[in-house]
Every structure is written in C-alpha cells, then in structure tokens.
PDB file of N, CA and C in Angstrom:
ATOM      1  N   MET A   1      64.256  45.358 -56.432  1.00  0.00           N
ATOM      2  CA  MET A   1      62.921  44.855 -56.695  1.00  0.00           C
ATOM      3  C   MET A   1      62.648  45.005 -58.183  1.00  0.00           C
ATOM      4  N   ILE A   2      62.054  43.977 -58.759  1.00  0.00           N
ATOM      5  CA  ILE A   2      61.696  43.983 -60.169  1.00  0.00           C
ATOM      6  C   ILE A   2      60.187  43.850 -60.279  1.00  0.00           C
ATOM      7  N   GLY A   3      59.574  44.697 -61.075  1.00  0.00           N
ATOM      8  CA  GLY A   3      58.138  44.607 -61.319  1.00  0.00           C
ATOM      9  C   GLY A   3      57.869  43.728 -62.523  1.00  0.00           C
ATOM     10  N   LEU A   4      56.695  43.131 -62.554  1.00  0.00           N
ATOM     11  CA  LEU A   4      56.320  42.249 -63.651  1.00  0.00           C
ATOM     12  C   LEU A   4      54.840  42.435 -63.926  1.00  0.00           C
ATOM     13  N   LEU A   5      54.518  42.716 -65.168  1.00  0.00           N
ATOM     14  CA  LEU A   5      53.135  42.904 -65.557  1.00  0.00           C
ATOM     15  C   LEU A   5      52.739  41.726 -66.445  1.00  0.00           C
ATOM     16  N   ILE A   6      51.832  40.888 -65.935  1.00  0.00           N
ATOM     17  CA  ILE A   6      51.390  39.712 -66.698  1.00  0.00           C
ATOM     18  C   ILE A   6      49.865  39.621 -66.655  1.00  0.00           C
ATOM     19  N   ASN A   7      49.318  38.993 -67.673  1.00  0.00           N
ATOM     20  CA  ASN A   7      47.858  38.859 -67.712  1.00  0.00           C
ATOM     21  C   ASN A   7      47.416  37.592 -66.968  1.00  0.00           C
ATOM     22  N   GLU A   8      46.110  37.404 -66.847  1.00  0.00           N
ATOM     23  CA  GLU A   8      45.549  36.290 -66.065  1.00  0.00           C
ATOM     24  C   GLU A   8      45.965  34.930 -66.611  1.00  0.00           C
ATOM     25  N   LYS A   9      46.023  34.792 -67.914  1.00  0.00           N
ATOM     26  CA  LYS A   9      46.427  33.519 -68.524  1.00  0.00           C
ATOM     27  C   LYS A   9      47.884  33.192 -68.163  1.00  0.00           C
ATOM     28  N   GLU A  10      48.741  34.196 -68.168  1.00  0.00           N
ATOM     29  CA  GLU A  10      50.137  33.991 -67.807  1.00  0.00           C
ATOM     30  C   GLU A  10      50.289  33.658 -66.322  1.00  0.00           C
ATOM     31  N   VAL A  11      49.445  34.241 -65.481  1.00  0.00           N
ATOM     32  CA  VAL A  11      49.464  33.916 -64.048  1.00  0.00           C
ATOM     33  C   VAL A  11      49.120  32.444 -63.852  1.00  0.00           C
ATOM     34  N   LYS A  12      48.089  31.981 -64.538  1.00  0.00           N
ATOM     35  CA  LYS A  12      47.688  30.574 -64.420  1.00  0.00           C
ATOM     36  C   LYS A  12      48.803  29.648 -64.901  1.00  0.00           C
ATOM     37  N   GLU A  13      49.491  30.038 -65.957  1.00  0.00           N
ATOM     38  CA  GLU A  13      50.602  29.233 -66.466  1.00  0.00           C
ATOM     39  C   GLU A  13      51.747  29.194 -65.459  1.00  0.00           C
ATOM     40  N   MET A  14      52.046  30.330 -64.835  1.00  0.00           N
ATOM     41  CA  MET A  14      53.088  30.357 -63.799  1.00  0.00           C
ATOM     42  C   MET A  14      52.699  29.471 -62.622  1.00  0.00           C
ATOM     43  N   GLU A  15      51.444  29.561 -62.189  1.00  0.00           N
ATOM     44  CA  GLU A  15      50.966  28.706 -61.100  1.00  0.00           C
ATOM     45  C   GLU A  15      51.180  27.241 -61.449  1.00  0.00           C
ATOM     46  N   TYR A  16      50.787  26.873 -62.650  1.00  0.00           N
ATOM     47  CA  TYR A  16      50.900  25.477 -63.085  1.00  0.00           C
ATOM     48  C   TYR A  16      52.358  25.022 -63.079  1.00  0.00           C
ATOM     49  N   LEU A  17      53.245  25.818 -63.654  1.00  0.00           N
ATOM     50  CA  LEU A  17      54.655  25.432 -63.733  1.00  0.00           C
ATOM     51  C   LEU A  17      55.290  25.314 -62.353  1.00  0.00           C
ATOM     52  N   ILE A  18      54.996  26.263 -61.490  1.00  0.00           N
ATOM     53  CA  ILE A  18      55.570  26.228 -60.140  1.00  0.00           C
ATOM     54  C   ILE A  18      55.018  25.039 -59.351  1.00  0.00           C
ATOM     55  N   LYS A  19      53.720  24.769 -59.483  1.00  0.00           N
ATOM     56  CA  LYS A  19      53.123  23.606 -58.801  1.00  0.00           C
ATOM     57  C   LYS A  19      53.800  22.317 -59.239  1.00  0.00           C
ATOM     58  N   ARG A  20      53.993  22.156 -60.553  1.00  0.00           N
ATOM     59  CA  ARG A  20      54.622  20.925 -61.060  1.00  0.00           C
ATOM     60  C   ARG A  20      56.021  20.768 -60.490  1.00  0.00           C
ATOM     61  N   GLU A  21      56.770  21.865 -60.449  1.00  0.00           N
ATOM     62  CA  GLU A  21      58.137  21.800 -59.934  1.00  0.00           C
ATOM     63  C   GLU A  21      58.141  21.484 -58.440  1.00  0.00           C
ATOM     64  N   MET A  22      57.249  22.098 -57.682  1.00  0.00           N
ATOM     65  CA  MET A  22      57.186  21.812 -56.242  1.00  0.00           C
ATOM     66  C   MET A  22      56.741  20.371 -55.996  1.00  0.00           C
ATOM     67  N   ASP A  23      55.791  19.879 -56.773  1.00  0.00           N
ATOM     68  CA  ASP A  23      55.359  18.478 -56.635  1.00  0.00           C
ATOM     69  C   ASP A  23      56.511  17.519 -56.908  1.00  0.00           C
ATOM     70  N   GLU A  24      57.316  17.831 -57.912  1.00  0.00           N
ATOM     71  CA  GLU A  24      58.473  16.992 -58.244  1.00  0.00           C
ATOM     72  C   GLU A  24      59.482  16.987 -57.091  1.00  0.00           C
ATOM     73  N   ILE A  25      59.725  18.144 -56.510  1.00  0.00           N
ATOM     74  CA  ILE A  25      60.658  18.225 -55.377  1.00  0.00           C
ATOM     75  C   ILE A  25      60.114  17.440 -54.188  1.00  0.00           C
ATOM     76  N   LEU A  26      58.826  17.599 -53.894  1.00  0.00           N
ATOM     77  CA  LEU A  26      58.231  16.860 -52.775  1.00  0.00           C
ATOM     78  C   LEU A  26      58.349  15.354 -52.986  1.00  0.00           C
ATOM     79  N   PHE A  27      58.147  14.907 -54.205  1.00  0.00           N
ATOM     80  CA  PHE A  27      58.280  13.488 -54.526  1.00  0.00           C
ATOM     81  C   PHE A  27      59.720  13.025 -54.306  1.00  0.00           C
ATOM     82  N   ASP A  28      60.682  13.811 -54.797  1.00  0.00           N
ATOM     83  CA  ASP A  28      62.092  13.433 -54.677  1.00  0.00           C
ATOM     84  C   ASP A  28      62.584  13.480 -53.233  1.00  0.00           C
ATOM     85  N   LEU A  29      62.025  14.354 -52.415  1.00  0.00           N
ATOM     86  CA  LEU A  29      62.454  14.425 -51.019  1.00  0.00           C
ATOM     87  C   LEU A  29      62.120  13.151 -50.249  1.00  0.00           C
ATOM     88  N   LYS A  30      61.154  12.398 -50.719  1.00  0.00           N
ATOM     89  CA  LYS A  30      60.781  11.136 -50.070  1.00  0.00           C
ATOM     90  C   LYS A  30      61.697   9.985 -50.467  1.00  0.00           C
ATOM     91  N   ASP A  31      62.498  10.176 -51.506  1.00  0.00           N
ATOM     92  CA  ASP A  31      63.375   9.128 -52.019  1.00  0.00           C
ATOM     93  C   ASP A  31      64.577   8.953 -51.092  1.00  0.00           C
ATOM     94  N   GLU A  32      64.701   7.786 -50.513  1.00  0.00           N
ATOM     95  CA  GLU A  32      65.781   7.497 -49.562  1.00  0.00           C
ATOM     96  C   GLU A  32      67.149   7.426 -50.234  1.00  0.00           C
ATOM     97  N   ARG A  33      67.184   7.222 -51.543  1.00  0.00           N
ATOM     98  CA  ARG A  33      68.456   7.078 -52.245  1.00  0.00           C
ATOM     99  C   ARG A  33      69.154   8.412 -52.476  1.00  0.00           C
ATOM    100  N   ILE A  34      68.435   9.512 -52.321  1.00  0.00           N
ATOM    101  CA  ILE A  34      69.017  10.832 -52.570  1.00  0.00           C
ATOM    102  C   ILE A  34      69.787  11.288 -51.336  1.00  0.00           C
ATOM    103  N   ASP A  35      70.997  11.767 -51.564  1.00  0.00           N
ATOM    104  CA  ASP A  35      71.907  12.193 -50.507  1.00  0.00           C
ATOM    105  C   ASP A  35      71.342  13.371 -49.713  1.00  0.00           C
ATOM    106  N   HIS A  36      71.710  13.430 -48.436  1.00  0.00           N
ATOM    107  CA  HIS A  36      71.242  14.479 -47.527  1.00  0.00           C
ATOM    108  C   HIS A  36      71.604  15.883 -48.032  1.00  0.00           C
ATOM    109  N   ILE A  37      72.798  16.048 -48.560  1.00  0.00           N
ATOM    110  CA  ILE A  37      73.240  17.353 -49.053  1.00  0.00           C
ATOM    111  C   ILE A  37      72.390  17.796 -50.238  1.00  0.00           C
ATOM    112  N   VAL A  38      72.074  16.872 -51.113  1.00  0.00           N
ATOM    113  CA  VAL A  38      71.236  17.171 -52.265  1.00  0.00           C
ATOM    114  C   VAL A  38      69.825  17.548 -51.803  1.00  0.00           C
ATOM    115  N   LYS A  39      69.330  16.828 -50.825  1.00  0.00           N
ATOM    116  CA  LYS A  39      67.998  17.137 -50.292  1.00  0.00           C
ATOM    117  C   LYS A  39      67.958  18.525 -49.666  1.00  0.00           C
ATOM    118  N   ARG A  40      69.041  18.925 -49.028  1.00  0.00           N
ATOM    119  CA  ARG A  40      69.092  20.262 -48.447  1.00  0.00           C
ATOM    120  C   ARG A  40      68.996  21.335 -49.533  1.00  0.00           C
ATOM    121  N   ALA A  41      69.675  21.108 -50.651  1.00  0.00           N
ATOM    122  CA  ALA A  41      69.601  22.034 -51.782  1.00  0.00           C
ATOM    123  C   ALA A  41      68.187  22.052 -52.367  1.00  0.00           C
ATOM    124  N   MET A  42      67.561  20.882 -52.403  1.00  0.00           N
ATOM    125  CA  MET A  42      66.188  20.792 -52.902  1.00  0.00           C
ATOM    126  C   MET A  42      65.236  21.552 -51.988  1.00  0.00           C
ATOM    127  N   GLU A  43      65.452  21.462 -50.683  1.00  0.00           N
ATOM    128  CA  GLU A  43      64.628  22.199 -49.714  1.00  0.00           C
ATOM    129  C   GLU A  43      64.756  23.703 -49.943  1.00  0.00           C
ATOM    130  N   GLU A  44      65.977  24.157 -50.187  1.00  0.00           N
ATOM    131  CA  GLU A  44      66.208  25.579 -50.434  1.00  0.00           C
ATOM    132  C   GLU A  44      65.490  26.028 -51.708  1.00  0.00           C
ATOM    133  N   ARG A  45      65.570  25.224 -52.741  1.00  0.00           N
ATOM    134  CA  ARG A  45      64.875  25.538 -53.998  1.00  0.00           C
ATOM    135  C   ARG A  45      63.368  25.559 -53.780  1.00  0.00           C
ATOM    136  N   TYR A  46      62.869  24.623 -52.982  1.00  0.00           N
ATOM    137  CA  TYR A  46      61.441  24.567 -52.689  1.00  0.00           C
ATOM    138  C   TYR A  46      60.987  25.858 -52.001  1.00  0.00           C
ATOM    139  N   LYS A  47      61.777  26.348 -51.055  1.00  0.00           N
ATOM    140  CA  LYS A  47      61.426  27.585 -50.342  1.00  0.00           C
ATOM    141  C   LYS A  47      61.302  28.756 -51.312  1.00  0.00           C
ATOM    142  N   ILE A  48      62.240  28.844 -52.246  1.00  0.00           N
ATOM    143  CA  ILE A  48      62.203  29.925 -53.239  1.00  0.00           C
ATOM    144  C   ILE A  48      60.966  29.797 -54.121  1.00  0.00           C
ATOM    145  N   LEU A  49      60.696  28.589 -54.594  1.00  0.00           N
ATOM    146  CA  LEU A  49      59.520  28.367 -55.444  1.00  0.00           C
ATOM    147  C   LEU A  49      58.228  28.649 -54.685  1.00  0.00           C
ATOM    148  N   PHE A  50      58.177  28.245 -53.419  1.00  0.00           N
ATOM    149  CA  PHE A  50      56.976  28.471 -52.623  1.00  0.00           C
ATOM    150  C   PHE A  50      56.720  29.961 -52.443  1.00  0.00           C
ATOM    151  N   THR A  51      57.775  30.718 -52.183  1.00  0.00           N
ATOM    152  CA  THR A  51      57.631  32.165 -52.041  1.00  0.00           C
ATOM    153  C   THR A  51      57.102  32.785 -53.323  1.00  0.00           C
ATOM    154  N   LEU A  52      57.638  32.363 -54.447  1.00  0.00           N
ATOM    155  CA  LEU A  52      57.161  32.851 -55.743  1.00  0.00           C
ATOM    156  C   LEU A  52      55.714  32.431 -55.979  1.00  0.00           C
ATOM    157  N   PHE A  53      55.398  31.192 -55.637  1.00  0.00           N
ATOM    158  CA  PHE A  53      54.037  30.672 -55.807  1.00  0.00           C
ATOM    159  C   PHE A  53      53.038  31.494 -55.005  1.00  0.00           C
ATOM    160  N   CYS A  54      53.409  31.855 -53.780  1.00  0.00           N
ATOM    161  CA  CYS A  54      52.512  32.635 -52.918  1.00  0.00           C
ATOM    162  C   CYS A  54      52.231  34.022 -53.489  1.00  0.00           C
ATOM    163  N   ARG A  55      53.102  34.514 -54.327  1.00  0.00           N
ATOM    164  CA  ARG A  55      52.886  35.825 -54.949  1.00  0.00           C
ATOM    165  C   ARG A  55      51.853  35.778 -56.066  1.00  0.00           C
ATOM    166  N   VAL A  56      51.666  34.606 -56.686  1.00  0.00           N
ATOM    167  CA  VAL A  56      50.747  34.533 -57.827  1.00  0.00           C
ATOM    168  C   VAL A  56      49.499  33.697 -57.561  1.00  0.00           C
ATOM    169  N   ALA A  57      49.536  32.842 -56.557  1.00  0.00           N
ATOM    170  CA  ALA A  57      48.430  31.916 -56.314  1.00  0.00           C
ATOM    171  C   ALA A  57      47.512  32.426 -55.202  1.00  0.00           C
ATOM    172  N   PRO A  58      46.262  31.981 -55.239  1.00  0.00           N
ATOM    173  CA  PRO A  58      45.347  32.313 -54.144  1.00  0.00           C
ATOM    174  C   PRO A  58      45.810  31.654 -52.832  1.00  0.00           C
ATOM    175  N   PRO A  59      45.515  32.278 -51.690  1.00  0.00           N
ATOM    176  CA  PRO A  59      45.967  31.741 -50.393  1.00  0.00           C
ATOM    177  C   PRO A  59      45.557  30.288 -50.148  1.00  0.00           C
ATOM    178  N   ASN A  60      44.373  29.894 -50.572  1.00  0.00           N
ATOM    179  CA  ASN A  60      43.936  28.507 -50.353  1.00  0.00           C
ATOM    180  C   ASN A  60      44.836  27.511 -51.077  1.00  0.00           C
ATOM    181  N   ASP A  61      45.325  27.864 -52.251  1.00  0.00           N
ATOM    182  CA  ASP A  61      46.241  26.984 -52.979  1.00  0.00           C
ATOM    183  C   ASP A  61      47.591  26.906 -52.276  1.00  0.00           C
ATOM    184  N   CYS A  62      48.003  27.997 -51.670  1.00  0.00           N
ATOM    185  CA  CYS A  62      49.296  28.030 -50.975  1.00  0.00           C
ATOM    186  C   CYS A  62      49.303  27.106 -49.760  1.00  0.00           C
ATOM    187  N   LEU A  63      48.171  27.007 -49.085  1.00  0.00           N
ATOM    188  CA  LEU A  63      48.090  26.161 -47.888  1.00  0.00           C
ATOM    189  C   LEU A  63      48.476  24.714 -48.183  1.00  0.00           C
ATOM    190  N   ARG A  64      48.138  24.238 -49.355  1.00  0.00           N
ATOM    191  CA  ARG A  64      48.423  22.850 -49.724  1.00  0.00           C
ATOM    192  C   ARG A  64      49.926  22.572 -49.783  1.00  0.00           C
ATOM    193  N   TYR A  65      50.708  23.599 -50.082  1.00  0.00           N
ATOM    194  CA  TYR A  65      52.141  23.405 -50.298  1.00  0.00           C
ATOM    195  C   TYR A  65      53.005  23.822 -49.114  1.00  0.00           C
ATOM    196  N   ILE A  66      52.389  24.162 -47.982  1.00  0.00           N
ATOM    197  CA  ILE A  66      53.178  24.488 -46.796  1.00  0.00           C
ATOM    198  C   ILE A  66      53.826  23.209 -46.281  1.00  0.00           C
ATOM    199  N   ARG A  67      55.157  23.257 -46.137  1.00  0.00           N
ATOM    200  CA  ARG A  67      55.897  22.085 -45.652  1.00  0.00           C
ATOM    201  C   ARG A  67      55.787  21.987 -44.141  1.00  0.00           C
ATOM    202  N   ARG A  68      55.777  20.795 -43.628  1.00  0.00           N
ATOM    203  CA  ARG A  68      55.729  20.547 -42.194  1.00  0.00           C
ATOM    204  C   ARG A  68      56.936  19.708 -41.795  1.00  0.00           C
ATOM    205  N   ASP A  69      57.397  19.901 -40.561  1.00  0.00           N
ATOM    206  CA  ASP A  69      58.509  19.097 -40.102  1.00  0.00           C
ATOM    207  C   ASP A  69      58.002  17.738 -39.622  1.00  0.00           C
ATOM    208  N   LYS A  70      58.869  16.921 -39.094  1.00  0.00           N
ATOM    209  CA  LYS A  70      58.496  15.567 -38.698  1.00  0.00           C
ATOM    210  C   LYS A  70      57.498  15.539 -37.546  1.00  0.00           C
ATOM    211  N   ARG A  71      57.418  16.640 -36.800  1.00  0.00           N
ATOM    212  CA  ARG A  71      56.487  16.704 -35.679  1.00  0.00           C
ATOM    213  C   ARG A  71      55.166  17.362 -36.075  1.00  0.00           C
ATOM    214  N   GLY A  72      55.013  17.690 -37.358  1.00  0.00           N
ATOM    215  CA  GLY A  72      53.757  18.267 -37.824  1.00  0.00           C
ATOM    216  C   GLY A  72      53.667  19.780 -37.766  1.00  0.00           C
ATOM    217  N   ARG A  73      54.796  20.423 -37.380  1.00  0.00           N
ATOM    218  CA  ARG A  73      54.789  21.879 -37.321  1.00  0.00           C
ATOM    219  C   ARG A  73      55.209  22.452 -38.659  1.00  0.00           C
ATOM    220  N   LYS A  74      54.713  23.682 -38.947  1.00  0.00           N
ATOM    221  CA  LYS A  74      55.062  24.364 -40.185  1.00  0.00           C
ATOM    222  C   LYS A  74      56.550  24.698 -40.194  1.00  0.00           C
ATOM    223  N   LYS A  75      57.163  24.478 -41.353  1.00  0.00           N
ATOM    224  CA  LYS A  75      58.564  24.887 -41.504  1.00  0.00           C
ATOM    225  C   LYS A  75      58.572  26.351 -41.911  1.00  0.00           C
ATOM    226  N   GLY A  76      59.491  27.105 -41.376  1.00  0.00           N
ATOM    227  CA  GLY A  76      59.519  28.521 -41.660  1.00  0.00           C
ATOM    228  C   GLY A  76      60.731  28.979 -42.281  1.00  0.00           C
TER     229      GLY A  76
END
C-alpha cells in the first residue's frame, strides 16, 4: 500500500484527468472497428481507472461512471 498526500486542487485535477480518460475509453468501446481483444484490454484499464476515481471523487460522481452490461446490470 502506498500513501499519497495531496491538496484539494490536486484532487480536482486528478478527478478531471481520470474522467477524461474514462470518457475516451467509453467512446472507443462503442467503435465497431476496434478488435475484441483490444476492447477487453480497454475494459481492464477502465476498471483500474474507475477504482482510482472512486478513491478521489464524491460518490455521486462515481455513479455516472458505473458500467452496465447489455442487460442493464452493473458490471462488477
């Protein structure tokens, strides 16, 4: 485990950067031209970013980025 001490401005910057990266991944996952294997790697990266995002962002912001499967259930 690694500890990190950051101020409020740095937290907001981390939130912003992680949101942009997750938005980019979500956009690319909709692209039919991207190979299934690549999409799987993108999904894995998204999970890592989401976990990090949940550590710095308020819970209401996290709800927006919860992924759902094709049947509308939360992915875990």
